Amino acid sequence: MVKITFDKNGLRHEVEAREGDSVMRAAIENGVPGILGECGGNLACATCHVYLPDAWMERAGEISEMERELLDCALDVRPNSRLSCQIAVTSDLDGIVIGLPEKQV
């Protein structure tokens, strides 16, 4: 299992995620507030928007053009913004602290 911590304004939720699942799925299955995932991970909304630490961006994999376009619909987009449905849980992410925006779309 991979340990992932979600942080929203200092309120942290630590979860154990299965490799191969998406970061969004891990958040939803563990009741992390702030990740809506309204499209179920089908890359059709931006309700699973997160902020990755800069040092971890490469470990999360390449961002696709479609994901980049959907991020244009998200609130408070930053250079380290990603859609958590598009990030596969791998052992490379063990120990990551992922930031959550104030609001989702």
Protein backbone atom coordinates (compact mmCIF):
# COMPACT_ATOMS: atom_id res chain seq x y z
CA MET A 1 0.00 0.00 0.00
CA VAL A 2 1.08 3.55 -0.74
CA LYS A 3 0.69 6.26 1.89
CA ILE A 4 -0.85 9.49 0.56
CA THR A 5 -1.75 12.51 2.67
CA PHE A 6 -4.32 15.05 1.49
CA ASP A 7 -4.00 18.51 3.02
CA LYS A 8 -6.59 21.28 2.96
CA ASN A 9 -5.55 24.31 4.99
CA GLY A 10 -3.63 22.19 7.48
CA LEU A 11 -6.40 19.61 7.93
CA ARG A 12 -4.77 16.36 6.86
CA HIS A 13 -6.24 13.02 5.83
CA GLU A 14 -3.76 10.18 5.51
CA VAL A 15 -4.87 7.21 3.42
CA GLU A 16 -3.41 3.96 2.21
CA ALA A 17 -3.90 3.51 -1.53
CA ARG A 18 -3.62 0.48 -3.76
CA GLU A 19 -1.05 0.65 -6.55
CA GLY A 20 -2.78 0.99 -9.89
CA ASP A 21 -5.76 2.91 -8.53
CA SER A 22 -6.04 6.61 -9.26
CA VAL A 23 -5.29 9.15 -6.56
CA MET A 24 -8.92 10.29 -6.94
CA ARG A 25 -10.24 6.77 -6.28
CA ALA A 26 -8.07 6.50 -3.15
CA ALA A 27 -9.46 9.81 -1.88
CA ILE A 28 -13.09 8.92 -2.56
CA GLU A 29 -12.83 5.42 -1.09
CA ASN A 30 -11.35 6.90 2.08
CA GLY A 31 -13.84 9.75 2.45
CA VAL A 32 -11.40 12.59 1.87
CA PRO A 33 -13.43 15.81 1.83
CA GLY A 34 -12.76 18.12 -1.08
CA ILE A 35 -12.43 15.50 -3.83
CA LEU A 36 -15.75 15.17 -5.62
CA GLY A 37 -14.87 13.11 -8.67
CA GLU A 38 -18.27 13.75 -10.23
CA CYS A 39 -17.38 12.10 -13.56
CA GLY A 40 -16.03 8.98 -11.87
CA GLY A 41 -12.54 9.50 -13.22
CA ASN A 42 -13.51 9.69 -16.89
CA LEU A 43 -11.65 12.96 -17.55
CA ALA A 44 -14.90 14.84 -18.08
CA CYS A 45 -14.88 17.36 -15.22
CA ALA A 46 -12.40 19.08 -12.94
CA THR A 47 -13.86 18.15 -9.54
CA CYS A 48 -10.79 16.20 -8.46
CA HIS A 49 -8.35 19.10 -8.81
CA VAL A 50 -5.30 18.89 -6.54
CA TYR A 51 -1.92 20.55 -6.02
CA LEU A 52 1.21 18.41 -6.14
CA PRO A 53 4.42 19.41 -4.41
CA ASP A 54 6.82 20.69 -7.09
CA ALA A 55 9.42 18.05 -6.23
CA TRP A 56 6.86 15.30 -6.93
CA MET A 57 5.50 16.53 -10.28
CA GLU A 58 7.65 14.19 -12.40
CA ARG A 59 6.75 11.17 -10.25
CA ALA A 60 3.06 11.72 -11.05
CA GLY A 61 3.61 11.21 -14.77
CA GLU A 62 3.02 13.36 -17.82
CA ILE A 63 0.02 15.63 -18.04
CA SER A 64 -2.06 15.04 -21.16
CA GLU A 65 -3.41 17.79 -23.38
CA MET A 66 -6.98 16.78 -22.41
CA GLU A 67 -6.16 17.11 -18.71
CA ARG A 68 -4.54 20.49 -19.33
CA GLU A 69 -7.71 21.66 -21.13
CA LEU A 70 -9.97 20.49 -18.29
CA LEU A 71 -7.79 22.28 -15.75
CA ASP A 72 -8.77 25.49 -17.52
CA CYS A 73 -12.24 24.87 -16.01
CA ALA A 74 -10.92 24.45 -12.45
CA LEU A 75 -10.75 27.16 -9.82
CA ASP A 76 -7.43 28.58 -8.58
CA VAL A 77 -5.26 26.69 -11.06
CA ARG A 78 -1.54 26.79 -10.32
CA PRO A 79 1.55 25.49 -12.13
CA ASN A 80 1.44 22.38 -9.91
CA SER A 81 -2.27 21.67 -10.51
CA ARG A 82 -3.35 18.21 -11.64
CA LEU A 83 -6.55 16.20 -11.86
CA SER A 84 -6.20 13.38 -9.36
CA CYS A 85 -8.17 10.99 -11.59
CA GLN A 86 -5.25 11.12 -14.01
CA ILE A 87 -2.55 10.23 -11.49
CA ALA A 88 -1.94 6.52 -11.02
CA VAL A 89 -0.92 5.41 -7.56
CA THR A 90 2.59 3.96 -7.71
CA SER A 91 5.22 3.26 -5.10
CA ASP A 92 6.95 6.45 -6.34
CA LEU A 93 4.16 8.44 -4.65
CA ASP A 94 4.60 6.85 -1.21
CA GLY A 95 4.67 9.65 1.37
CA ILE A 96 3.36 12.43 -0.88
CA VAL A 97 1.35 15.28 0.65
CA ILE A 98 -1.21 16.52 -1.87
CA GLY A 99 -2.83 19.93 -1.46
CA LEU A 100 -6.54 20.51 -2.00
CA PRO A 101 -8.07 23.72 -3.32
CA GLU A 102 -10.54 25.74 -1.27
CA LYS A 103 -13.34 24.83 -3.70
CA GLN A 104 -13.87 22.53 -6.62
CA VAL A 105 -15.77 23.59 -9.75
